[in-house]
Amino acid sequence: MKKGLIVVALASALALTGCAGAKKEATSNGNNDDLVTGTTSTTGAGFDKPLDLGAGITVTISAPKTFTPGNFASSYLPGQVANVLAVEIKNSGSTEIDPTSISFASDSGDNTCTDVLDGDNGVSGAPTDPIAAGTTASFKIAVGCDAKAGAPLRVSINIGASSVAVDGKIA
């Protein structure tokens, strides 16, 4: 009986690790290929300016504004300085933007910053629906930083392999 269980367990482990199956090759449906193949990097640009990522995509990030997260905000720790920023992604390209290809990061020099989500105050992060060609998506992001007002703030957005980083100061 034990030998039978060991054989079943071994066969299951091999199937789960892929050793017992055929190798599958990654394929693309063509969506966002122009975002993945060409890398655009705009660094050090200012807030409130449209930044061109190529492929007909521009991103504008507003200047940071002081923000008081609500009781149910996630990733915010008391004592952090919180700022909210409006983001606009304009897709003048020919393909929709996959929302899973959009990511944000922020830092304040050597100080730690975290993304804050606060649905009660309309800060829900990046869109969850694709951004169709010829449309614009507007939304809010927020950051909580272990820093003081006036400290440097860098916010980076990645869309596929293209990225934008804007520099300014914490409000």
Protein backbone atom coordinates (compact mmCIF):
# COMPACT_ATOMS: atom_id res chain seq x y z
CA MET A 1 0.00 0.00 0.00
CA LYS A 2 2.84 2.44 0.88
CA LYS A 3 4.57 1.81 -2.46
CA GLY A 4 1.36 2.65 -4.30
CA LEU A 5 1.01 5.96 -2.42
CA ILE A 6 4.64 6.84 -3.10
CA VAL A 7 4.20 6.16 -6.83
CA VAL A 8 1.02 8.32 -6.94
CA ALA A 9 2.72 11.12 -4.99
CA LEU A 10 5.78 11.04 -7.28
CA ALA A 11 3.61 11.08 -10.41
CA SER A 12 1.62 14.02 -9.04
CA ALA A 13 4.78 15.95 -8.20
CA LEU A 14 6.19 15.39 -11.69
CA ALA A 15 2.94 16.55 -13.28
CA LEU A 16 2.84 19.70 -11.13
CA THR A 17 6.43 20.65 -11.93
CA GLY A 18 5.90 20.16 -15.64
CA CYS A 19 8.36 17.28 -15.96
CA ALA A 20 5.61 14.95 -17.14
CA GLY A 21 4.06 17.31 -19.69
CA ALA A 22 4.91 18.74 -23.07
CA LYS A 23 6.76 22.03 -23.30
CA LYS A 24 4.59 25.00 -24.33
CA GLU A 25 6.05 27.99 -26.15
CA ALA A 26 4.98 31.52 -25.26
CA THR A 27 2.92 33.25 -27.93
CA SER A 28 1.63 36.75 -28.38
CA ASN A 29 -1.76 37.84 -29.65
CA GLY A 30 -0.16 41.05 -30.97
CA ASN A 31 -1.71 43.40 -28.41
CA ASN A 32 0.84 45.75 -26.85
CA ASP A 33 3.73 44.31 -28.91
CA ASP A 34 4.74 47.87 -29.79
CA LEU A 35 4.94 48.65 -26.05
CA VAL A 36 7.07 45.61 -25.32
CA THR A 37 9.52 45.76 -28.20
CA GLY A 38 10.49 49.44 -27.93
CA THR A 39 11.63 50.89 -24.63
CA THR A 40 11.09 54.56 -23.96
CA SER A 41 12.47 56.12 -20.82
CA THR A 42 11.80 59.69 -19.84
CA THR A 43 13.51 60.53 -16.57
CA GLY A 44 13.62 63.68 -14.52
CA ALA A 45 10.73 65.38 -16.28
CA GLY A 46 8.38 67.55 -14.25
CA PHE A 47 4.86 67.08 -13.05
CA ASP A 48 1.87 68.48 -15.01
CA LYS A 49 3.55 67.91 -18.39
CA PRO A 50 2.43 65.34 -20.98
CA LEU A 51 5.23 62.82 -21.44
CA ASP A 52 5.49 60.81 -24.66
CA LEU A 53 6.05 57.07 -24.27
CA GLY A 54 5.92 56.42 -28.01
CA ALA A 55 3.34 54.26 -29.82
CA GLY A 56 0.86 57.15 -29.46
CA ILE A 57 0.78 57.02 -25.64
CA THR A 58 1.25 60.05 -23.39
CA VAL A 59 1.15 60.18 -19.61
CA THR A 60 0.55 63.27 -17.47
CA ILE A 61 1.05 63.15 -13.70
CA SER A 62 -0.20 66.12 -11.70
CA ALA A 63 1.86 67.84 -9.04
CA PRO A 64 1.49 66.14 -5.65
CA LYS A 65 -1.13 67.51 -3.28
CA THR A 66 -1.45 66.92 0.46
CA PHE A 67 -3.80 64.04 1.19
CA THR A 68 -5.36 62.70 4.38
CA PRO A 69 -6.06 58.98 3.94
CA GLY A 70 -9.30 57.65 5.40
CA ASN A 71 -9.61 55.07 8.15
CA PHE A 72 -9.77 52.21 5.67
CA ALA A 73 -6.86 53.25 3.43
CA SER A 74 -4.38 50.47 2.72
CA SER A 75 -0.59 50.66 2.96
CA TYR A 76 -0.62 53.96 4.86
CA LEU A 77 1.15 54.20 8.19
CA PRO A 78 0.52 57.00 10.70
CA GLY A 79 3.38 59.48 10.61
CA GLN A 80 3.89 59.22 6.86
CA VAL A 81 3.32 62.25 4.65
CA ALA A 82 0.60 61.35 2.14
CA ASN A 83 0.23 62.92 -1.30
CA VAL A 84 -2.32 62.31 -4.02
CA LEU A 85 -1.60 62.69 -7.74
CA ALA A 86 -3.94 62.71 -10.73
CA VAL A 87 -2.81 60.59 -13.67
CA GLU A 88 -3.97 60.77 -17.27
CA ILE A 89 -3.00 58.14 -19.82
CA LYS A 90 -3.93 59.13 -23.37
CA ASN A 91 -3.91 56.30 -25.89
CA SER A 92 -3.70 57.76 -29.39
CA GLY A 93 -2.16 54.51 -30.61
CA SER A 94 -3.80 51.76 -32.63
CA THR A 95 -4.06 49.04 -29.93
CA GLU A 96 -5.62 48.97 -26.50
CA ILE A 97 -3.44 49.14 -23.40
CA ASP A 98 -3.63 46.08 -21.19
CA PRO A 99 -4.22 47.35 -17.62
CA THR A 100 -1.94 44.63 -16.22
CA SER A 101 0.98 46.27 -18.06
CA ILE A 102 0.63 49.49 -15.96
CA SER A 103 2.63 49.82 -12.75
CA PHE A 104 3.74 52.64 -10.43
CA ALA A 105 6.63 53.16 -8.04
CA SER A 106 7.68 56.11 -5.91
CA ASP A 107 10.58 57.14 -3.72
CA SER A 108 11.84 60.13 -1.81
CA GLY A 109 15.61 59.89 -1.99
CA ASP A 110 16.65 57.53 0.80
CA ASN A 111 13.16 57.67 2.34
CA THR A 112 10.65 54.88 1.86
CA CYS A 113 7.38 55.52 0.00
CA THR A 114 4.43 53.15 -0.42
CA ASP A 115 1.43 53.18 -2.73
CA VAL A 116 -1.74 54.07 -0.81
CA LEU A 117 -5.17 52.89 -1.92
CA ASP A 118 -8.20 54.65 -0.47
CA GLY A 119 -11.43 53.85 -2.31
CA ASP A 120 -13.44 56.05 0.06
CA ASN A 121 -11.51 59.06 -1.28
CA GLY A 122 -11.45 57.98 -4.94
CA VAL A 123 -7.86 56.69 -4.89
CA SER A 124 -8.18 53.29 -6.50
CA GLY A 125 -4.92 53.09 -8.45
CA ALA A 126 -4.46 52.18 -12.09
CA PRO A 127 -7.49 51.26 -14.21
CA THR A 128 -8.64 47.66 -14.27
CA ASP A 129 -10.21 47.87 -17.74
CA PRO A 130 -8.21 48.09 -20.97
CA ILE A 131 -7.59 51.59 -22.31
CA ALA A 132 -8.95 51.43 -25.84
CA ALA A 133 -7.20 53.09 -28.78
CA GLY A 134 -8.35 56.70 -29.10
CA THR A 135 -9.40 57.04 -25.45
CA THR A 136 -8.04 58.57 -22.26
CA ALA A 137 -8.04 57.11 -18.75
CA SER A 138 -7.92 59.44 -15.74
CA PHE A 139 -7.45 58.21 -12.18
CA LYS A 140 -5.75 59.01 -8.89
CA ILE A 141 -2.79 57.44 -7.17
CA ALA A 142 -1.48 58.25 -3.70
CA VAL A 143 1.83 57.74 -1.92
CA GLY A 144 2.76 57.70 1.73
CA CYS A 145 6.39 58.60 2.43
CA ASP A 146 8.61 58.46 5.51
CA ALA A 147 9.72 62.00 4.71
CA LYS A 148 8.76 65.61 5.31
CA ALA A 149 7.04 68.09 3.02
CA GLY A 150 9.61 69.55 0.62
CA ALA A 151 11.64 66.33 0.38
CA PRO A 152 12.28 65.04 -3.15
CA LEU A 153 9.64 62.84 -4.75
CA ARG A 154 10.08 60.65 -7.81
CA VAL A 155 7.09 58.86 -9.30
CA SER A 156 7.65 56.26 -12.02
CA ILE A 157 5.06 54.74 -14.32
CA ASN A 158 5.70 51.69 -16.46
CA ILE A 159 3.43 50.75 -19.33
CA GLY A 160 4.76 47.57 -20.87
CA ALA A 161 8.49 48.13 -21.43
CA SER A 162 8.11 51.92 -21.60
CA SER A 163 8.64 54.04 -18.52
CA VAL A 164 8.30 57.61 -17.30
CA ALA A 165 9.79 59.06 -14.13
CA VAL A 166 8.84 62.53 -12.89
CA ASP A 167 10.71 64.48 -10.24
CA GLY A 168 9.39 67.06 -7.83
CA LYS A 169 8.84 67.65 -4.13
CA ILE A 170 6.49 66.16 -1.56
CA ALA A 171 3.63 68.60 -0.86
